[in-house]
All heavy atoms as atom14 arrays in JSON, in Angstrom:
{
  "sequence": "VFFSYTKPEVVMQMDVGNCLAGGGDPYAMIEMFPGRSKTIHLK",
  "atom14_mask": [
    [1, 1, 1, 1, 1, 1, 1, 0, 0, 0, 0, 0, 0, 0],
    [1, 1, 1, 1, 1, 1, 1, 1, 1, 1, 1, 0, 0, 0],
    [1, 1, 1, 1, 1, 1, 1, 1, 1, 1, 1, 0, 0, 0],
    [1, 1, 1, 1, 1, 1, 0, 0, 0, 0, 0, 0, 0, 0],
    [1, 1, 1, 1, 1, 1, 1, 1, 1, 1, 1, 1, 0, 0],
    [1, 1, 1, 1, 1, 1, 1, 0, 0, 0, 0, 0, 0, 0],
    [1, 1, 1, 1, 1, 1, 1, 1, 1, 0, 0, 0, 0, 0],
    [1, 1, 1, 1, 1, 1, 1, 0, 0, 0, 0, 0, 0, 0],
    [1, 1, 1, 1, 1, 1, 1, 1, 1, 0, 0, 0, 0, 0],
    [1, 1, 1, 1, 1, 1, 1, 0, 0, 0, 0, 0, 0, 0],
    [1, 1, 1, 1, 1, 1, 1, 0, 0, 0, 0, 0, 0, 0],
    [1, 1, 1, 1, 1, 1, 1, 1, 0, 0, 0, 0, 0, 0],
    [1, 1, 1, 1, 1, 1, 1, 1, 1, 0, 0, 0, 0, 0],
    [1, 1, 1, 1, 1, 1, 1, 1, 0, 0, 0, 0, 0, 0],
    [1, 1, 1, 1, 1, 1, 1, 1, 0, 0, 0, 0, 0, 0],
    [1, 1, 1, 1, 1, 1, 1, 0, 0, 0, 0, 0, 0, 0],
    [1, 1, 1, 1, 0, 0, 0, 0, 0, 0, 0, 0, 0, 0],
    [1, 1, 1, 1, 1, 1, 1, 1, 0, 0, 0, 0, 0, 0],
    [1, 1, 1, 1, 1, 1, 0, 0, 0, 0, 0, 0, 0, 0],
    [1, 1, 1, 1, 1, 1, 1, 1, 0, 0, 0, 0, 0, 0],
    [1, 1, 1, 1, 1, 0, 0, 0, 0, 0, 0, 0, 0, 0],
    [1, 1, 1, 1, 0, 0, 0, 0, 0, 0, 0, 0, 0, 0],
    [1, 1, 1, 1, 0, 0, 0, 0, 0, 0, 0, 0, 0, 0],
    [1, 1, 1, 1, 0, 0, 0, 0, 0, 0, 0, 0, 0, 0],
    [1, 1, 1, 1, 1, 1, 1, 1, 0, 0, 0, 0, 0, 0],
    [1, 1, 1, 1, 1, 1, 1, 0, 0, 0, 0, 0, 0, 0],
    [1, 1, 1, 1, 1, 1, 1, 1, 1, 1, 1, 1, 0, 0],
    [1, 1, 1, 1, 1, 0, 0, 0, 0, 0, 0, 0, 0, 0],
    [1, 1, 1, 1, 1, 1, 1, 1, 0, 0, 0, 0, 0, 0],
    [1, 1, 1, 1, 1, 1, 1, 1, 0, 0, 0, 0, 0, 0],
    [1, 1, 1, 1, 1, 1, 1, 1, 1, 0, 0, 0, 0, 0],
    [1, 1, 1, 1, 1, 1, 1, 1, 0, 0, 0, 0, 0, 0],
    [1, 1, 1, 1, 1, 1, 1, 1, 1, 1, 1, 0, 0, 0],
    [1, 1, 1, 1, 1, 1, 1, 0, 0, 0, 0, 0, 0, 0],
    [1, 1, 1, 1, 0, 0, 0, 0, 0, 0, 0, 0, 0, 0],
    [1, 1, 1, 1, 1, 1, 1, 1, 1, 1, 1, 0, 0, 0],
    [1, 1, 1, 1, 1, 1, 0, 0, 0, 0, 0, 0, 0, 0],
    [1, 1, 1, 1, 1, 1, 1, 1, 1, 0, 0, 0, 0, 0],
    [1, 1, 1, 1, 1, 1, 1, 0, 0, 0, 0, 0, 0, 0],
    [1, 1, 1, 1, 1, 1, 1, 1, 0, 0, 0, 0, 0, 0],
    [1, 1, 1, 1, 1, 1, 1, 1, 1, 1, 0, 0, 0, 0],
    [1, 1, 1, 1, 1, 1, 1, 1, 0, 0, 0, 0, 0, 0],
    [1, 1, 1, 1, 1, 1, 1, 1, 1, 0, 0, 0, 0, 0]
  ],
  "atom14_positions": [
    [[71.82, -58.3, 37.63], [73.01, -58.06, 38.43], [72.66, -58.02, 39.91], [73.29, -58.69, 40.74], [73.69, -56.73, 38.01], [74.85, -56.4, 38.96], [74.19, -56.81, 36.57], [0.0, 0.0, 0.0], [0.0, 0.0, 0.0], [0.0, 0.0, 0.0], [0.0, 0.0, 0.0], [0.0, 0.0, 0.0], [0.0, 0.0, 0.0], [0.0, 0.0, 0.0]],
    [[71.63, -57.24, 40.25], [71.24, -57.07, 41.65], [70.92, -58.42, 42.3], [71.44, -58.73, 43.39], [70.03, -56.14, 41.73], [69.5, -55.94, 43.13], [70.11, -55.04, 43.99], [68.39, -56.63, 43.57], [69.63, -54.85, 45.28], [67.89, -56.44, 44.85], [68.52, -55.55, 45.7], [0.0, 0.0, 0.0], [0.0, 0.0, 0.0], [0.0, 0.0, 0.0]],
    [[70.1, -59.23, 41.65], [69.7, -60.49, 42.29], [70.77, -61.58, 42.18], [70.72, -62.56, 42.93], [68.34, -60.96, 41.77], [67.22, -60.18, 42.4], [66.55, -59.18, 41.72], [66.86, -60.42, 43.72], [65.56, -58.44, 42.31], [65.86, -59.68, 44.34], [65.21, -58.69, 43.64], [0.0, 0.0, 0.0], [0.0, 0.0, 0.0], [0.0, 0.0, 0.0]],
    [[71.75, -61.4, 41.32], [72.88, -62.32, 41.3], [73.81, -62.1, 42.49], [74.54, -63.01, 42.88], [73.68, -62.16, 40.0], [72.94, -62.61, 38.89], [0.0, 0.0, 0.0], [0.0, 0.0, 0.0], [0.0, 0.0, 0.0], [0.0, 0.0, 0.0], [0.0, 0.0, 0.0], [0.0, 0.0, 0.0], [0.0, 0.0, 0.0], [0.0, 0.0, 0.0]],
    [[73.77, -60.89, 43.05], [74.66, -60.56, 44.16], [73.94, -60.44, 45.49], [74.57, -60.13, 46.51], [75.43, -59.27, 43.84], [76.55, -59.5, 42.86], [76.31, -59.44, 41.49], [77.84, -59.8, 43.3], [77.33, -59.67, 40.57], [78.86, -60.03, 42.39], [78.61, -59.96, 41.03], [79.63, -60.2, 40.13], [0.0, 0.0, 0.0], [0.0, 0.0, 0.0]],
    [[72.64, -60.69, 45.52], [71.93, -60.72, 46.8], [71.78, -62.17, 47.26], [71.76, -63.1, 46.46], [70.54, -60.07, 46.7], [69.85, -60.57, 45.55], [70.64, -58.57, 46.63], [0.0, 0.0, 0.0], [0.0, 0.0, 0.0], [0.0, 0.0, 0.0], [0.0, 0.0, 0.0], [0.0, 0.0, 0.0], [0.0, 0.0, 0.0], [0.0, 0.0, 0.0]],
    [[71.64, -62.32, 48.56], [71.45, -63.65, 49.14], [70.07, -64.2, 48.78], [69.15, -63.43, 48.5], [71.58, -63.56, 50.67], [72.95, -63.15, 51.14], [72.99, -63.09, 52.66], [74.4, -62.74, 53.14], [74.49, -62.71, 54.62], [0.0, 0.0, 0.0], [0.0, 0.0, 0.0], [0.0, 0.0, 0.0], [0.0, 0.0, 0.0], [0.0, 0.0, 0.0]],
    [[69.91, -65.52, 48.81], [68.61, -66.12, 48.5], [67.48, -65.61, 49.37], [66.32, -65.64, 48.97], [68.85, -67.62, 48.73], [70.31, -67.81, 48.54], [70.95, -66.55, 49.05], [0.0, 0.0, 0.0], [0.0, 0.0, 0.0], [0.0, 0.0, 0.0], [0.0, 0.0, 0.0], [0.0, 0.0, 0.0], [0.0, 0.0, 0.0], [0.0, 0.0, 0.0]],
    [[67.8, -65.1, 50.57], [66.77, -64.6, 51.48], [66.15, -63.28, 51.0], [65.1, -62.88, 51.51], [67.36, -64.41, 52.88], [67.78, -65.69, 53.57], [69.1, -66.24, 53.1], [69.85, -65.5, 52.43], [69.39, -67.42, 53.4], [0.0, 0.0, 0.0], [0.0, 0.0, 0.0], [0.0, 0.0, 0.0], [0.0, 0.0, 0.0], [0.0, 0.0, 0.0]],
    [[66.78, -62.58, 50.09], [66.25, -61.32, 49.59], [65.16, -61.62, 48.57], [65.41, -62.25, 47.54], [67.35, -60.43, 48.97], [66.74, -59.15, 48.39], [68.41, -60.09, 50.02], [0.0, 0.0, 0.0], [0.0, 0.0, 0.0], [0.0, 0.0, 0.0], [0.0, 0.0, 0.0], [0.0, 0.0, 0.0], [0.0, 0.0, 0.0], [0.0, 0.0, 0.0]],
    [[63.94, -61.17, 48.85], [62.78, -61.48, 48.02], [62.87, -60.74, 46.68], [63.1, -59.54, 46.63], [61.47, -61.1, 48.74], [60.26, -61.34, 47.82], [61.33, -61.88, 50.04], [0.0, 0.0, 0.0], [0.0, 0.0, 0.0], [0.0, 0.0, 0.0], [0.0, 0.0, 0.0], [0.0, 0.0, 0.0], [0.0, 0.0, 0.0], [0.0, 0.0, 0.0]],
    [[62.67, -61.48, 45.59], [62.59, -60.9, 44.26], [61.11, -60.72, 43.93], [60.45, -61.63, 43.45], [63.24, -61.84, 43.23], [63.26, -61.29, 41.82], [63.93, -62.45, 40.59], [62.5, -63.52, 40.32], [0.0, 0.0, 0.0], [0.0, 0.0, 0.0], [0.0, 0.0, 0.0], [0.0, 0.0, 0.0], [0.0, 0.0, 0.0], [0.0, 0.0, 0.0]],
    [[60.59, -59.52, 44.21], [59.17, -59.3, 43.93], [58.99, -58.85, 42.48], [58.98, -57.67, 42.15], [58.53, -58.28, 44.87], [57.01, -58.28, 44.74], [56.31, -57.28, 45.64], [56.44, -56.08, 45.46], [55.56, -57.78, 46.62], [0.0, 0.0, 0.0], [0.0, 0.0, 0.0], [0.0, 0.0, 0.0], [0.0, 0.0, 0.0], [0.0, 0.0, 0.0]],
    [[58.86, -59.85, 41.61], [58.59, -59.58, 40.21], [57.23, -58.9, 40.07], [56.28, -59.23, 40.8], [58.6, -60.9, 39.43], [58.19, -60.8, 37.97], [59.14, -59.58, 37.07], [60.79, -60.27, 37.17], [0.0, 0.0, 0.0], [0.0, 0.0, 0.0], [0.0, 0.0, 0.0], [0.0, 0.0, 0.0], [0.0, 0.0, 0.0], [0.0, 0.0, 0.0]],
    [[57.16, -57.92, 39.17], [55.9, -57.33, 38.75], [55.79, -57.65, 37.26], [56.53, -57.1, 36.45], [55.91, -55.82, 38.99], [54.59, -55.14, 38.62], [54.16, -55.32, 37.46], [54.03, -54.44, 39.47], [0.0, 0.0, 0.0], [0.0, 0.0, 0.0], [0.0, 0.0, 0.0], [0.0, 0.0, 0.0], [0.0, 0.0, 0.0], [0.0, 0.0, 0.0]],
    [[54.9, -58.57, 36.93], [54.85, -59.11, 35.57], [54.62, -58.01, 34.54], [55.33, -57.92, 33.53], [53.76, -60.19, 35.47], [53.66, -60.72, 34.03], [54.06, -61.35, 36.43], [0.0, 0.0, 0.0], [0.0, 0.0, 0.0], [0.0, 0.0, 0.0], [0.0, 0.0, 0.0], [0.0, 0.0, 0.0], [0.0, 0.0, 0.0], [0.0, 0.0, 0.0]],
    [[53.66, -57.14, 34.79], [53.35, -56.07, 33.85], [54.48, -55.07, 33.72], [54.82, -54.65, 32.61], [0.0, 0.0, 0.0], [0.0, 0.0, 0.0], [0.0, 0.0, 0.0], [0.0, 0.0, 0.0], [0.0, 0.0, 0.0], [0.0, 0.0, 0.0], [0.0, 0.0, 0.0], [0.0, 0.0, 0.0], [0.0, 0.0, 0.0], [0.0, 0.0, 0.0]],
    [[55.09, -54.67, 34.84], [56.19, -53.72, 34.79], [57.39, -54.28, 34.03], [58.04, -53.57, 33.26], [56.63, -53.32, 36.21], [55.67, -52.37, 36.89], [54.69, -51.92, 36.29], [55.93, -52.07, 38.14], [0.0, 0.0, 0.0], [0.0, 0.0, 0.0], [0.0, 0.0, 0.0], [0.0, 0.0, 0.0], [0.0, 0.0, 0.0], [0.0, 0.0, 0.0]],
    [[57.69, -55.54, 34.28], [58.81, -56.18, 33.6], [58.61, -56.17, 32.09], [59.5, -55.78, 31.32], [58.98, -57.61, 34.12], [60.36, -58.52, 33.37], [0.0, 0.0, 0.0], [0.0, 0.0, 0.0], [0.0, 0.0, 0.0], [0.0, 0.0, 0.0], [0.0, 0.0, 0.0], [0.0, 0.0, 0.0], [0.0, 0.0, 0.0], [0.0, 0.0, 0.0]],
    [[57.44, -56.6, 31.65], [57.15, -56.62, 30.22], [57.17, -55.21, 29.63], [57.65, -55.0, 28.5], [55.8, -57.29, 29.97], [55.78, -58.81, 30.2], [54.36, -59.33, 30.25], [56.58, -59.53, 29.11], [0.0, 0.0, 0.0], [0.0, 0.0, 0.0], [0.0, 0.0, 0.0], [0.0, 0.0, 0.0], [0.0, 0.0, 0.0], [0.0, 0.0, 0.0]],
    [[56.69, -54.24, 30.37], [56.69, -52.85, 29.89], [58.1, -52.33, 29.69], [58.34, -51.47, 28.83], [55.93, -51.96, 30.87], [0.0, 0.0, 0.0], [0.0, 0.0, 0.0], [0.0, 0.0, 0.0], [0.0, 0.0, 0.0], [0.0, 0.0, 0.0], [0.0, 0.0, 0.0], [0.0, 0.0, 0.0], [0.0, 0.0, 0.0], [0.0, 0.0, 0.0]],
    [[59.06, -52.85, 30.44], [60.45, -52.43, 30.33], [61.24, -53.27, 29.34], [62.47, -53.11, 29.25], [0.0, 0.0, 0.0], [0.0, 0.0, 0.0], [0.0, 0.0, 0.0], [0.0, 0.0, 0.0], [0.0, 0.0, 0.0], [0.0, 0.0, 0.0], [0.0, 0.0, 0.0], [0.0, 0.0, 0.0], [0.0, 0.0, 0.0], [0.0, 0.0, 0.0]],
    [[60.56, -54.17, 28.62], [61.25, -55.02, 27.66], [61.9, -56.24, 28.28], [62.7, -56.92, 27.62], [0.0, 0.0, 0.0], [0.0, 0.0, 0.0], [0.0, 0.0, 0.0], [0.0, 0.0, 0.0], [0.0, 0.0, 0.0], [0.0, 0.0, 0.0], [0.0, 0.0, 0.0], [0.0, 0.0, 0.0], [0.0, 0.0, 0.0], [0.0, 0.0, 0.0]],
    [[61.56, -56.53, 29.54], [62.13, -57.69, 30.21], [61.34, -58.96, 29.99], [60.27, -58.94, 29.36], [0.0, 0.0, 0.0], [0.0, 0.0, 0.0], [0.0, 0.0, 0.0], [0.0, 0.0, 0.0], [0.0, 0.0, 0.0], [0.0, 0.0, 0.0], [0.0, 0.0, 0.0], [0.0, 0.0, 0.0], [0.0, 0.0, 0.0], [0.0, 0.0, 0.0]],
    [[61.83, -60.04, 30.54], [61.22, -61.36, 30.41], [60.93, -61.9, 31.81], [61.81, -62.49, 32.45], [62.15, -62.3, 29.66], [61.54, -63.67, 29.37], [60.56, -64.04, 30.06], [62.04, -64.37, 28.47], [0.0, 0.0, 0.0], [0.0, 0.0, 0.0], [0.0, 0.0, 0.0], [0.0, 0.0, 0.0], [0.0, 0.0, 0.0], [0.0, 0.0, 0.0]],
    [[59.71, -61.7, 32.33], [59.41, -62.14, 33.7], [59.51, -63.65, 33.88], [59.89, -64.12, 34.95], [57.99, -61.63, 33.93], [57.39, -61.52, 32.56], [58.53, -61.1, 31.67], [0.0, 0.0, 0.0], [0.0, 0.0, 0.0], [0.0, 0.0, 0.0], [0.0, 0.0, 0.0], [0.0, 0.0, 0.0], [0.0, 0.0, 0.0], [0.0, 0.0, 0.0]],
    [[59.17, -64.39, 32.84], [59.22, -65.85, 32.93], [60.67, -66.32, 33.13], [60.95, -67.16, 33.99], [58.62, -66.48, 31.67], [57.39, -65.77, 31.14], [57.44, -65.02, 29.97], [56.18, -65.81, 31.84], [56.33, -64.35, 29.48], [55.05, -65.14, 31.36], [55.14, -64.4, 30.18], [54.04, -63.74, 29.7], [0.0, 0.0, 0.0], [0.0, 0.0, 0.0]],
    [[61.57, -65.75, 32.36], [62.98, -66.12, 32.47], [63.56, -65.73, 33.82], [64.39, -66.46, 34.39], [63.78, -65.46, 31.34], [0.0, 0.0, 0.0], [0.0, 0.0, 0.0], [0.0, 0.0, 0.0], [0.0, 0.0, 0.0], [0.0, 0.0, 0.0], [0.0, 0.0, 0.0], [0.0, 0.0, 0.0], [0.0, 0.0, 0.0], [0.0, 0.0, 0.0]],
    [[63.12, -64.6, 34.37], [63.64, -64.16, 35.65], [63.2, -65.08, 36.78], [63.98, -65.39, 37.7], [63.2, -62.72, 35.95], [63.8, -61.66, 35.02], [65.61, -61.59, 35.06], [66.02, -62.56, 33.58], [0.0, 0.0, 0.0], [0.0, 0.0, 0.0], [0.0, 0.0, 0.0], [0.0, 0.0, 0.0], [0.0, 0.0, 0.0], [0.0, 0.0, 0.0]],
    [[61.97, -65.55, 36.74], [61.5, -66.48, 37.79], [62.32, -67.77, 37.72], [62.7, -68.34, 38.75], [60.0, -66.77, 37.63], [59.19, -65.48, 37.8], [59.54, -67.8, 38.67], [57.72, -65.62, 37.42], [0.0, 0.0, 0.0], [0.0, 0.0, 0.0], [0.0, 0.0, 0.0], [0.0, 0.0, 0.0], [0.0, 0.0, 0.0], [0.0, 0.0, 0.0]],
    [[62.62, -68.22, 36.5], [63.43, -69.43, 36.33], [64.88, -69.21, 36.74], [65.5, -70.09, 37.34], [63.4, -69.86, 34.86], [62.1, -70.51, 34.41], [62.22, -71.08, 33.01], [62.1, -70.3, 32.04], [62.45, -72.3, 32.89], [0.0, 0.0, 0.0], [0.0, 0.0, 0.0], [0.0, 0.0, 0.0], [0.0, 0.0, 0.0], [0.0, 0.0, 0.0]],
    [[65.41, -68.05, 36.4], [66.82, -67.78, 36.66], [67.14, -67.73, 38.15], [68.24, -68.08, 38.58], [67.24, -66.46, 36.0], [68.72, -66.14, 36.15], [69.19, -64.59, 35.32], [69.03, -65.07, 33.6], [0.0, 0.0, 0.0], [0.0, 0.0, 0.0], [0.0, 0.0, 0.0], [0.0, 0.0, 0.0], [0.0, 0.0, 0.0], [0.0, 0.0, 0.0]],
    [[66.16, -67.27, 38.95], [66.38, -67.13, 40.39], [65.37, -67.97, 41.16], [64.41, -67.44, 41.73], [66.28, -65.64, 40.78], [67.3, -64.78, 40.09], [66.94, -63.99, 38.99], [68.62, -64.78, 40.51], [67.88, -63.2, 38.34], [69.57, -63.99, 39.86], [69.2, -63.21, 38.77], [0.0, 0.0, 0.0], [0.0, 0.0, 0.0], [0.0, 0.0, 0.0]],
    [[65.56, -69.29, 41.18], [64.58, -70.18, 41.82], [64.43, -69.89, 43.31], [65.39, -69.57, 44.0], [65.17, -71.57, 41.57], [66.62, -71.35, 41.31], [66.72, -70.02, 40.64], [0.0, 0.0, 0.0], [0.0, 0.0, 0.0], [0.0, 0.0, 0.0], [0.0, 0.0, 0.0], [0.0, 0.0, 0.0], [0.0, 0.0, 0.0], [0.0, 0.0, 0.0]],
    [[63.19, -69.98, 43.77], [62.9, -69.8, 45.18], [62.88, -68.37, 45.66], [62.63, -68.11, 46.84], [0.0, 0.0, 0.0], [0.0, 0.0, 0.0], [0.0, 0.0, 0.0], [0.0, 0.0, 0.0], [0.0, 0.0, 0.0], [0.0, 0.0, 0.0], [0.0, 0.0, 0.0], [0.0, 0.0, 0.0], [0.0, 0.0, 0.0], [0.0, 0.0, 0.0]],
    [[63.08, -67.41, 44.75], [63.21, -66.01, 45.16], [61.9, -65.24, 45.05], [61.79, -64.13, 45.57], [64.27, -65.3, 44.3], [65.64, -65.96, 44.27], [66.39, -65.86, 45.57], [66.71, -64.5, 45.93], [67.81, -63.86, 45.5], [68.67, -64.44, 44.7], [68.06, -62.62, 45.91], [0.0, 0.0, 0.0], [0.0, 0.0, 0.0], [0.0, 0.0, 0.0]],
    [[60.9, -65.8, 44.33], [59.64, -65.08, 44.07], [58.61, -65.37, 45.16], [57.5, -65.82, 44.88], [59.09, -65.47, 42.69], [60.0, -65.15, 41.68], [0.0, 0.0, 0.0], [0.0, 0.0, 0.0], [0.0, 0.0, 0.0], [0.0, 0.0, 0.0], [0.0, 0.0, 0.0], [0.0, 0.0, 0.0], [0.0, 0.0, 0.0], [0.0, 0.0, 0.0]],
    [[58.98, -65.07, 46.4], [58.08, -65.4, 47.51], [56.76, -64.65, 47.42], [55.71, -65.16, 47.8], [58.78, -65.15, 48.84], [59.86, -66.18, 49.13], [60.48, -65.97, 50.48], [61.38, -67.15, 50.86], [62.44, -67.41, 49.86], [0.0, 0.0, 0.0], [0.0, 0.0, 0.0], [0.0, 0.0, 0.0], [0.0, 0.0, 0.0], [0.0, 0.0, 0.0]],
    [[56.81, -63.41, 46.95], [55.59, -62.69, 46.6], [55.79, -62.14, 45.19], [56.91, -61.76, 44.81], [55.25, -61.55, 47.58], [56.19, -60.48, 47.44], [55.24, -62.04, 49.01], [0.0, 0.0, 0.0], [0.0, 0.0, 0.0], [0.0, 0.0, 0.0], [0.0, 0.0, 0.0], [0.0, 0.0, 0.0], [0.0, 0.0, 0.0], [0.0, 0.0, 0.0]],
    [[54.72, -62.1, 44.42], [54.82, -61.65, 43.03], [53.59, -60.82, 42.69], [52.47, -61.15, 43.1], [54.95, -62.85, 42.07], [55.06, -62.37, 40.6], [53.8, -63.85, 42.24], [55.45, -63.49, 39.64], [0.0, 0.0, 0.0], [0.0, 0.0, 0.0], [0.0, 0.0, 0.0], [0.0, 0.0, 0.0], [0.0, 0.0, 0.0], [0.0, 0.0, 0.0]],
    [[53.81, -59.73, 41.96], [52.7, -58.88, 41.54], [52.14, -59.36, 40.22], [52.86, -59.47, 39.23], [53.17, -57.43, 41.4], [53.09, -56.66, 42.68], [52.83, -55.31, 42.72], [53.19, -57.05, 43.97], [52.8, -54.9, 43.97], [53.03, -55.95, 44.76], [0.0, 0.0, 0.0], [0.0, 0.0, 0.0], [0.0, 0.0, 0.0], [0.0, 0.0, 0.0]],
    [[50.86, -59.65, 40.24], [50.13, -60.02, 39.04], [49.54, -58.75, 38.44], [48.61, -58.17, 39.0], [49.03, -61.03, 39.36], [49.43, -62.27, 40.16], [48.24, -63.2, 40.32], [50.62, -62.99, 39.52], [0.0, 0.0, 0.0], [0.0, 0.0, 0.0], [0.0, 0.0, 0.0], [0.0, 0.0, 0.0], [0.0, 0.0, 0.0], [0.0, 0.0, 0.0]],
    [[50.08, -58.32, 37.33], [49.61, -57.11, 36.65], [49.57, -57.4, 35.15], [50.53, -57.97, 34.61], [50.54, -55.93, 36.93], [50.08, -54.6, 36.31], [51.14, -53.53, 36.52], [51.28, -53.19, 38.0], [52.4, -52.26, 38.25], [0.0, 0.0, 0.0], [0.0, 0.0, 0.0], [0.0, 0.0, 0.0], [0.0, 0.0, 0.0], [0.0, 0.0, 0.0]]
  ]
}
């Protein structure tokens, strides 16, 4: 919801480990919001 309503300029800093720990899908999120992962946490 948050990234669907933010402008493309707002960085989506995915944290791969945190996302998976919360039951999320980091791969799908990177695809769903193209160009938004300007920095990403590798965990």
